[in-house]
Structure formats: structure tokens, C-alpha cells
Amino acid sequence: MSDLTDLYQAVILAHNKRPRNRGKLPTATRVASGDNPTCGDNCTVYLCMDGEKIGAVSFEGSGCAISQASASLMTTQLVGKSPAEAESTFAEFKDIVTTGGEPEAFSEIAAFAGVHAFPARIKCATLAWHAALDALKQPDRPIDD
């Protein structure tokens, strides 16, 4: 394996082993869920907006290492972004996982470039991202326990 492949694999394993922002966000005002019935992955994404920007994001769910690592990484990538910026970041991520292309600037999302070689895993990698975009389309409201 190349050094870059090793680095990318380490990023995915680190996010899977020690996921960032896992758990229900107590201040969330938007929530959306997604399921991948093919493999059983599921993910709920919680957002708290700070004006027109994402102030905080977290996730709950279960599934394969790819889905959990992607959800964790997503939470670190979306904070501070507007909905349009979040959509743009997802578009870049989706391009990477579907084509194996490299991002314009170095980013941890490049770690998922190898997913393109396993088409069934693309849904795993994008599950949390789709849920986050769905949550962004909702109006702010109190989230029930």
C-alpha cells in the first residue's frame, strides 16, 4: 500500500473507533434520519443552527465502519457552514466516493476515495450526509426526546 492509502485508511479507522460528535445533540432544532435497508445501516443527524450557519451537528446510529466513520467525519466538516456550503461539501464528498477523485485541497474527506471501488458501499458512505441535508431543509423546532 502507498503511504497515502495507509493515511486514508487510518483516518477512516480513527473516525470509526473514536467517532466525533456521536449522540443526541441536546440543543438540536432540526433532525432527520436515514436507513440503508441493503446492509442495515441507520443514522439520525441532529443540527442546531446559529443564524444562517450550522452551529453544531451530531449523529446517532449503527452500521458498518464506512457509514459510522463517514457520519463522524461529516460532523466535523459541516460546523460553521451555511446550507449552501454544506450542499457544496456534500457534492465534493459524493464526487470523491463515486469517482475516486481527489479534492482540490487536502481534506480528510479524501480518505473515502477508495469507496468508489465498492459501489454497494457508496450508500453507506453517503447515508449521514443525506440525512444532514434533509435536516437542513426543515424549519427550526424543538426536538422531542
N, C-alpha and C. Protein backbone atom coordinates (compact mmCIF):
# COMPACT_ATOMS: atom_id res chain seq x y z
N MET A 1 0.84 -1.20 0.00
CA MET A 1 0.00 0.00 0.00
C MET A 1 0.87 1.25 0.00
N SER A 2 0.38 2.28 -0.63
CA SER A 2 1.12 3.53 -0.63
C SER A 2 0.94 4.22 0.72
N ASP A 3 1.81 5.17 0.98
CA ASP A 3 1.69 5.94 2.22
C ASP A 3 0.37 6.69 2.29
N LEU A 4 -0.09 7.21 1.14
CA LEU A 4 -1.35 7.95 1.11
C LEU A 4 -2.53 7.02 1.41
N THR A 5 -2.52 5.83 0.85
CA THR A 5 -3.58 4.86 1.12
C THR A 5 -3.59 4.49 2.59
N ASP A 6 -2.41 4.29 3.16
CA ASP A 6 -2.31 3.99 4.59
C ASP A 6 -2.88 5.13 5.44
N LEU A 7 -2.57 6.38 5.04
CA LEU A 7 -3.07 7.53 5.77
C LEU A 7 -4.60 7.57 5.69
N TYR A 8 -5.14 7.37 4.49
CA TYR A 8 -6.60 7.40 4.32
C TYR A 8 -7.26 6.30 5.14
N GLN A 9 -6.68 5.12 5.14
CA GLN A 9 -7.25 4.03 5.92
C GLN A 9 -7.21 4.37 7.41
N ALA A 10 -6.14 5.00 7.85
CA ALA A 10 -6.01 5.39 9.26
C ALA A 10 -7.08 6.42 9.64
N VAL A 11 -7.39 7.34 8.74
CA VAL A 11 -8.42 8.35 9.01
C VAL A 11 -9.77 7.67 9.21
N ILE A 12 -10.12 6.74 8.32
CA ILE A 12 -11.40 6.04 8.43
C ILE A 12 -11.45 5.22 9.71
N LEU A 13 -10.39 4.49 10.00
CA LEU A 13 -10.38 3.67 11.22
C LEU A 13 -10.47 4.53 12.48
N ALA A 14 -9.80 5.68 12.48
CA ALA A 14 -9.84 6.57 13.65
C ALA A 14 -11.25 7.11 13.88
N HIS A 15 -11.92 7.53 12.80
CA HIS A 15 -13.29 8.05 12.95
C HIS A 15 -14.26 6.94 13.35
N ASN A 16 -14.02 5.72 12.90
CA ASN A 16 -14.89 4.61 13.29
C ASN A 16 -14.66 4.21 14.74
N LYS A 17 -13.41 4.16 15.14
CA LYS A 17 -13.08 3.72 16.50
C LYS A 17 -13.43 4.77 17.55
N ARG A 18 -13.21 6.04 17.22
CA ARG A 18 -13.49 7.15 18.14
C ARG A 18 -14.31 8.21 17.39
N PRO A 19 -15.60 7.90 17.17
CA PRO A 19 -16.42 8.84 16.39
C PRO A 19 -16.57 10.19 17.09
N ARG A 20 -16.50 11.21 16.30
CA ARG A 20 -16.70 12.57 16.80
C ARG A 20 -18.20 12.87 16.81
N ASN A 21 -18.63 13.58 17.81
CA ASN A 21 -20.00 14.11 17.88
C ASN A 21 -21.08 13.04 17.80
N ARG A 22 -20.83 11.90 18.43
CA ARG A 22 -21.83 10.83 18.49
C ARG A 22 -22.76 11.10 19.67
N GLY A 23 -24.04 10.94 19.44
CA GLY A 23 -25.04 11.11 20.48
C GLY A 23 -26.01 12.21 20.11
N LYS A 24 -27.14 12.19 20.79
CA LYS A 24 -28.18 13.19 20.54
C LYS A 24 -27.68 14.56 20.98
N LEU A 25 -27.84 15.54 20.13
CA LEU A 25 -27.45 16.91 20.43
C LEU A 25 -28.55 17.57 21.24
N PRO A 26 -28.31 17.90 22.52
CA PRO A 26 -29.38 18.43 23.37
C PRO A 26 -29.98 19.74 22.87
N THR A 27 -29.21 20.52 22.13
CA THR A 27 -29.69 21.81 21.64
C THR A 27 -30.24 21.74 20.21
N ALA A 28 -30.38 20.54 19.67
CA ALA A 28 -30.81 20.38 18.28
C ALA A 28 -32.19 20.97 18.04
N THR A 29 -32.32 21.60 16.90
CA THR A 29 -33.62 22.13 16.48
C THR A 29 -34.05 21.54 15.14
N ARG A 30 -33.21 20.69 14.58
CA ARG A 30 -33.54 20.00 13.33
C ARG A 30 -33.00 18.58 13.42
N VAL A 31 -33.77 17.64 12.87
CA VAL A 31 -33.34 16.24 12.92
C VAL A 31 -33.87 15.53 11.68
N ALA A 32 -33.10 14.59 11.19
CA ALA A 32 -33.54 13.75 10.07
C ALA A 32 -32.81 12.42 10.18
N SER A 33 -33.45 11.38 9.67
CA SER A 33 -32.88 10.03 9.74
C SER A 33 -32.81 9.41 8.36
N GLY A 34 -31.93 8.44 8.26
CA GLY A 34 -31.81 7.68 7.03
C GLY A 34 -31.49 6.24 7.35
N ASP A 35 -31.92 5.35 6.48
CA ASP A 35 -31.65 3.92 6.63
C ASP A 35 -31.14 3.38 5.30
N ASN A 36 -30.29 2.40 5.38
CA ASN A 36 -29.83 1.67 4.20
C ASN A 36 -30.31 0.24 4.37
N PRO A 37 -31.46 -0.12 3.83
CA PRO A 37 -32.02 -1.45 4.04
C PRO A 37 -31.17 -2.57 3.45
N THR A 38 -30.30 -2.24 2.50
CA THR A 38 -29.44 -3.25 1.89
C THR A 38 -28.50 -3.87 2.90
N CYS A 39 -27.94 -3.03 3.78
CA CYS A 39 -26.96 -3.56 4.73
C CYS A 39 -27.34 -3.33 6.20
N GLY A 40 -28.41 -2.58 6.45
CA GLY A 40 -28.85 -2.37 7.82
C GLY A 40 -28.30 -1.13 8.50
N ASP A 41 -27.53 -0.32 7.80
CA ASP A 41 -27.03 0.92 8.39
C ASP A 41 -28.20 1.86 8.67
N ASN A 42 -28.10 2.62 9.76
CA ASN A 42 -29.08 3.66 10.04
C ASN A 42 -28.37 4.82 10.71
N CYS A 43 -28.92 6.00 10.51
CA CYS A 43 -28.28 7.19 11.04
C CYS A 43 -29.32 8.29 11.26
N THR A 44 -29.25 8.92 12.41
CA THR A 44 -30.04 10.11 12.71
C THR A 44 -29.07 11.26 12.92
N VAL A 45 -29.33 12.36 12.24
CA VAL A 45 -28.47 13.54 12.34
C VAL A 45 -29.23 14.65 13.03
N TYR A 46 -28.57 15.29 13.98
CA TYR A 46 -29.14 16.40 14.75
C TYR A 46 -28.37 17.67 14.41
N LEU A 47 -29.10 18.74 14.14
CA LEU A 47 -28.47 20.02 13.83
C LEU A 47 -29.00 21.11 14.75
N CYS A 48 -28.14 22.04 15.06
CA CYS A 48 -28.52 23.27 15.75
C CYS A 48 -27.96 24.41 14.92
N MET A 49 -28.85 25.24 14.43
CA MET A 49 -28.42 26.36 13.59
C MET A 49 -28.00 27.53 14.47
N ASP A 50 -27.03 28.27 13.98
CA ASP A 50 -26.58 29.51 14.61
C ASP A 50 -26.76 30.59 13.55
N GLY A 51 -27.95 31.16 13.54
CA GLY A 51 -28.29 32.09 12.46
C GLY A 51 -28.44 31.32 11.16
N GLU A 52 -27.67 31.69 10.16
CA GLU A 52 -27.73 31.03 8.85
C GLU A 52 -26.64 29.96 8.70
N LYS A 53 -25.94 29.65 9.76
CA LYS A 53 -24.85 28.67 9.73
C LYS A 53 -25.18 27.49 10.65
N ILE A 54 -24.55 26.38 10.39
CA ILE A 54 -24.69 25.20 11.26
C ILE A 54 -23.82 25.45 12.49
N GLY A 55 -24.46 25.55 13.64
CA GLY A 55 -23.73 25.81 14.88
C GLY A 55 -23.18 24.55 15.51
N ALA A 56 -23.93 23.46 15.39
CA ALA A 56 -23.50 22.17 15.96
C ALA A 56 -24.21 21.06 15.21
N VAL A 57 -23.56 19.91 15.16
CA VAL A 57 -24.14 18.75 14.49
C VAL A 57 -23.65 17.49 15.20
N SER A 58 -24.55 16.53 15.33
CA SER A 58 -24.18 15.24 15.92
C SER A 58 -24.96 14.14 15.21
N PHE A 59 -24.63 12.90 15.55
CA PHE A 59 -25.33 11.77 14.94
C PHE A 59 -25.46 10.63 15.91
N GLU A 60 -26.46 9.80 15.67
CA GLU A 60 -26.63 8.52 16.34
C GLU A 60 -26.88 7.50 15.24
N GLY A 61 -26.51 6.27 15.50
CA GLY A 61 -26.80 5.24 14.51
C GLY A 61 -25.89 4.05 14.67
N SER A 62 -26.10 3.12 13.78
CA SER A 62 -25.26 1.94 13.77
C SER A 62 -25.06 1.50 12.34
N GLY A 63 -24.00 0.74 12.14
CA GLY A 63 -23.73 0.25 10.81
C GLY A 63 -22.26 -0.10 10.65
N CYS A 64 -21.88 -0.24 9.41
CA CYS A 64 -20.52 -0.63 9.07
C CYS A 64 -19.53 0.49 9.38
N ALA A 65 -18.25 0.15 9.31
CA ALA A 65 -17.20 1.13 9.59
C ALA A 65 -17.26 2.32 8.65
N ILE A 66 -17.59 2.08 7.39
CA ILE A 66 -17.67 3.19 6.42
C ILE A 66 -18.78 4.16 6.81
N SER A 67 -19.97 3.65 7.13
CA SER A 67 -21.07 4.56 7.45
C SER A 67 -20.80 5.33 8.73
N GLN A 68 -20.25 4.69 9.73
CA GLN A 68 -20.00 5.35 11.00
C GLN A 68 -18.86 6.35 10.90
N ALA A 69 -17.81 5.99 10.19
CA ALA A 69 -16.68 6.92 10.00
C ALA A 69 -17.12 8.12 9.17
N SER A 70 -17.93 7.88 8.15
CA SER A 70 -18.41 8.97 7.31
C SER A 70 -19.29 9.93 8.11
N ALA A 71 -20.17 9.39 8.96
CA ALA A 71 -21.02 10.23 9.80
C ALA A 71 -20.17 11.08 10.74
N SER A 72 -19.16 10.47 11.34
CA SER A 72 -18.28 11.19 12.24
C SER A 72 -17.55 12.31 11.50
N LEU A 73 -16.98 11.98 10.36
CA LEU A 73 -16.26 12.97 9.57
C LEU A 73 -17.20 14.10 9.14
N MET A 74 -18.40 13.74 8.73
CA MET A 74 -19.37 14.74 8.30
C MET A 74 -19.62 15.78 9.39
N THR A 75 -19.72 15.33 10.64
CA THR A 75 -19.99 16.27 11.73
C THR A 75 -18.87 17.29 11.87
N THR A 76 -17.65 16.89 11.57
CA THR A 76 -16.52 17.82 11.67
C THR A 76 -16.44 18.76 10.48
N GLN A 77 -17.02 18.36 9.37
CA GLN A 77 -16.93 19.15 8.14
C GLN A 77 -18.02 20.20 8.01
N LEU A 78 -19.18 19.98 8.64
CA LEU A 78 -20.33 20.86 8.41
C LEU A 78 -20.47 22.02 9.38
N VAL A 79 -19.87 21.94 10.55
CA VAL A 79 -20.00 23.02 11.54
C VAL A 79 -19.45 24.32 10.95
N GLY A 80 -20.26 25.37 11.09
CA GLY A 80 -19.86 26.69 10.61
C GLY A 80 -20.23 26.97 9.17
N LYS A 81 -20.83 26.00 8.50
CA LYS A 81 -21.19 26.17 7.10
C LYS A 81 -22.66 26.57 6.96
N SER A 82 -22.94 27.31 5.91
CA SER A 82 -24.32 27.63 5.55
C SER A 82 -24.91 26.41 4.86
N PRO A 83 -26.23 26.35 4.69
CA PRO A 83 -26.81 25.22 3.95
C PRO A 83 -26.21 25.07 2.54
N ALA A 84 -25.97 26.17 1.85
CA ALA A 84 -25.38 26.10 0.51
C ALA A 84 -23.96 25.53 0.57
N GLU A 85 -23.19 25.95 1.56
CA GLU A 85 -21.83 25.43 1.72
C GLU A 85 -21.85 23.95 2.09
N ALA A 86 -22.83 23.55 2.90
CA ALA A 86 -22.97 22.14 3.27
C ALA A 86 -23.29 21.30 2.03
N GLU A 87 -24.18 21.81 1.18
CA GLU A 87 -24.51 21.10 -0.06
C GLU A 87 -23.29 20.99 -0.96
N SER A 88 -22.49 22.03 -1.03
CA SER A 88 -21.28 22.01 -1.84
C SER A 88 -20.26 21.01 -1.29
N THR A 89 -20.13 20.95 0.03
CA THR A 89 -19.22 20.00 0.66
C THR A 89 -19.69 18.57 0.38
N PHE A 90 -21.01 18.35 0.47
CA PHE A 90 -21.54 17.02 0.16
C PHE A 90 -21.29 16.68 -1.31
N ALA A 91 -21.47 17.62 -2.21
CA ALA A 91 -21.23 17.36 -3.63
C ALA A 91 -19.79 16.93 -3.86
N GLU A 92 -18.85 17.59 -3.18
CA GLU A 92 -17.43 17.21 -3.29
C GLU A 92 -17.23 15.80 -2.73
N PHE A 93 -17.81 15.53 -1.57
CA PHE A 93 -17.69 14.21 -0.96
C PHE A 93 -18.27 13.14 -1.88
N LYS A 94 -19.46 13.39 -2.40
CA LYS A 94 -20.12 12.42 -3.27
C LYS A 94 -19.29 12.15 -4.51
N ASP A 95 -18.71 13.20 -5.08
CA ASP A 95 -17.84 13.02 -6.24
C ASP A 95 -16.65 12.13 -5.90
N ILE A 96 -16.08 12.34 -4.73
CA ILE A 96 -14.92 11.54 -4.31
C ILE A 96 -15.31 10.07 -4.14
N VAL A 97 -16.44 9.79 -3.49
CA VAL A 97 -16.81 8.39 -3.25
C VAL A 97 -17.34 7.70 -4.50
N THR A 98 -17.82 8.45 -5.47
CA THR A 98 -18.34 7.81 -6.68
C THR A 98 -17.29 7.69 -7.78
N THR A 99 -16.28 8.57 -7.78
CA THR A 99 -15.28 8.54 -8.84
C THR A 99 -13.88 8.19 -8.36
N GLY A 100 -13.62 8.35 -7.07
CA GLY A 100 -12.27 8.14 -6.56
C GLY A 100 -11.38 9.34 -6.78
N GLY A 101 -11.97 10.44 -7.23
CA GLY A 101 -11.19 11.66 -7.50
C GLY A 101 -10.64 12.29 -6.23
N GLU A 102 -9.69 13.14 -6.42
CA GLU A 102 -9.07 13.84 -5.30
C GLU A 102 -9.70 15.22 -5.13
N PRO A 103 -9.85 15.68 -3.89
CA PRO A 103 -10.39 17.04 -3.69
C PRO A 103 -9.37 18.09 -4.16
N GLU A 104 -9.87 19.30 -4.37
CA GLU A 104 -9.00 20.38 -4.81
C GLU A 104 -7.94 20.71 -3.76
N ALA A 105 -8.30 20.66 -2.50
CA ALA A 105 -7.37 20.91 -1.41
C ALA A 105 -7.38 19.70 -0.49
N PHE A 106 -6.27 19.46 0.22
CA PHE A 106 -6.22 18.30 1.11
C PHE A 106 -7.32 18.41 2.15
N SER A 107 -8.01 17.32 2.34
CA SER A 107 -9.08 17.25 3.31
C SER A 107 -9.24 15.80 3.73
N GLU A 108 -9.72 15.58 4.94
CA GLU A 108 -9.96 14.21 5.39
C GLU A 108 -11.00 13.50 4.53
N ILE A 109 -11.85 14.24 3.83
CA ILE A 109 -12.85 13.57 3.01
C ILE A 109 -12.21 12.76 1.89
N ALA A 110 -10.99 13.08 1.53
CA ALA A 110 -10.27 12.31 0.51
C ALA A 110 -10.05 10.87 0.95
N ALA A 111 -10.10 10.62 2.24
CA ALA A 111 -9.91 9.26 2.76
C ALA A 111 -10.95 8.30 2.21
N PHE A 112 -12.08 8.83 1.76
CA PHE A 112 -13.16 7.98 1.27
C PHE A 112 -13.09 7.73 -0.23
N ALA A 113 -12.01 8.13 -0.89
CA ALA A 113 -11.87 7.94 -2.33
C ALA A 113 -11.92 6.46 -2.72
N GLY A 114 -11.42 5.60 -1.88
CA GLY A 114 -11.40 4.17 -2.19
C GLY A 114 -12.77 3.53 -2.22
N VAL A 115 -13.77 4.20 -1.69
CA VAL A 115 -15.13 3.65 -1.65
C VAL A 115 -15.65 3.42 -3.07
N HIS A 116 -15.20 4.22 -4.02
CA HIS A 116 -15.72 4.08 -5.39
C HIS A 116 -15.49 2.69 -5.97
N ALA A 117 -14.50 1.98 -5.47
CA ALA A 117 -14.21 0.63 -5.95
C ALA A 117 -15.23 -0.39 -5.44
N PHE A 118 -16.07 0.02 -4.51
CA PHE A 118 -17.08 -0.86 -3.92
C PHE A 118 -18.44 -0.16 -4.01
N PRO A 119 -19.09 -0.21 -5.16
CA PRO A 119 -20.32 0.55 -5.39
C PRO A 119 -21.40 0.35 -4.32
N ALA A 120 -21.50 -0.83 -3.75
CA ALA A 120 -22.51 -1.06 -2.70
C ALA A 120 -22.22 -0.24 -1.45
N ARG A 121 -20.99 0.19 -1.26
CA ARG A 121 -20.61 0.96 -0.08
C ARG A 121 -20.86 2.46 -0.23
N ILE A 122 -21.15 2.91 -1.44
CA ILE A 122 -21.40 4.34 -1.65
C ILE A 122 -22.60 4.78 -0.82
N LYS A 123 -23.65 3.97 -0.76
CA LYS A 123 -24.81 4.31 0.07
C LYS A 123 -24.43 4.38 1.53
N CYS A 124 -23.54 3.50 1.97
CA CYS A 124 -23.07 3.53 3.36
C CYS A 124 -22.37 4.86 3.65
N ALA A 125 -21.51 5.28 2.73
CA ALA A 125 -20.71 6.49 2.93
C ALA A 125 -21.55 7.76 2.88
N THR A 126 -22.63 7.76 2.11
CA THR A 126 -23.41 8.99 1.94
C THR A 126 -24.64 9.07 2.82
N LEU A 127 -24.94 8.02 3.56
CA LEU A 127 -26.16 7.96 4.37
C LEU A 127 -26.31 9.15 5.31
N ALA A 128 -25.33 9.42 6.14
CA ALA A 128 -25.42 10.52 7.11
C ALA A 128 -25.49 11.87 6.40
N TRP A 129 -24.79 12.01 5.31
CA TRP A 129 -24.80 13.26 4.55
C TRP A 129 -26.20 13.56 4.03
N HIS A 130 -26.87 12.54 3.49
CA HIS A 130 -28.23 12.75 3.01
C HIS A 130 -29.16 13.15 4.16
N ALA A 131 -28.99 12.52 5.31
CA ALA A 131 -29.81 12.87 6.48
C ALA A 131 -29.54 14.32 6.90
N ALA A 132 -28.28 14.74 6.88
CA ALA A 132 -27.96 16.12 7.26
C ALA A 132 -28.60 17.12 6.30
N LEU A 133 -28.54 16.83 5.01
CA LEU A 133 -29.16 17.73 4.03
C LEU A 133 -30.67 17.77 4.21
N ASP A 134 -31.28 16.63 4.53
CA ASP A 134 -32.71 16.60 4.82
C ASP A 134 -33.03 17.46 6.05
N ALA A 135 -32.20 17.36 7.08
CA ALA A 135 -32.42 18.16 8.29
C ALA A 135 -32.30 19.65 7.99
N LEU A 136 -31.38 20.02 7.11
CA LEU A 136 -31.21 21.44 6.77
C LEU A 136 -32.44 22.03 6.08
N LYS A 137 -33.21 21.20 5.43
CA LYS A 137 -34.40 21.66 4.71
C LYS A 137 -35.60 21.88 5.64
N GLN A 138 -35.47 21.46 6.89
CA GLN A 138 -36.59 21.57 7.84
C GLN A 138 -36.54 22.91 8.57
N PRO A 139 -37.68 23.37 9.03
CA PRO A 139 -37.67 24.58 9.87
C PRO A 139 -37.19 24.23 11.28
N ASP A 140 -36.68 25.22 11.97
CA ASP A 140 -36.28 25.02 13.37
C ASP A 140 -37.51 24.70 14.20
N ARG A 141 -37.36 23.74 15.12
CA ARG A 141 -38.43 23.38 16.04
C ARG A 141 -37.80 22.62 17.20
N PRO A 142 -38.49 22.57 18.32
CA PRO A 142 -37.98 21.77 19.44
C PRO A 142 -37.98 20.29 19.05
N ILE A 143 -36.96 19.57 19.46
CA ILE A 143 -36.83 18.15 19.17
C ILE A 143 -37.33 17.37 20.39
N ASP A 144 -38.29 16.48 20.17
CA ASP A 144 -38.82 15.65 21.26
C ASP A 144 -37.80 14.62 21.68
N ASP A 145 -37.86 14.26 22.95
CA ASP A 145 -36.96 13.20 23.46
C ASP A 145 -37.41 11.84 22.99
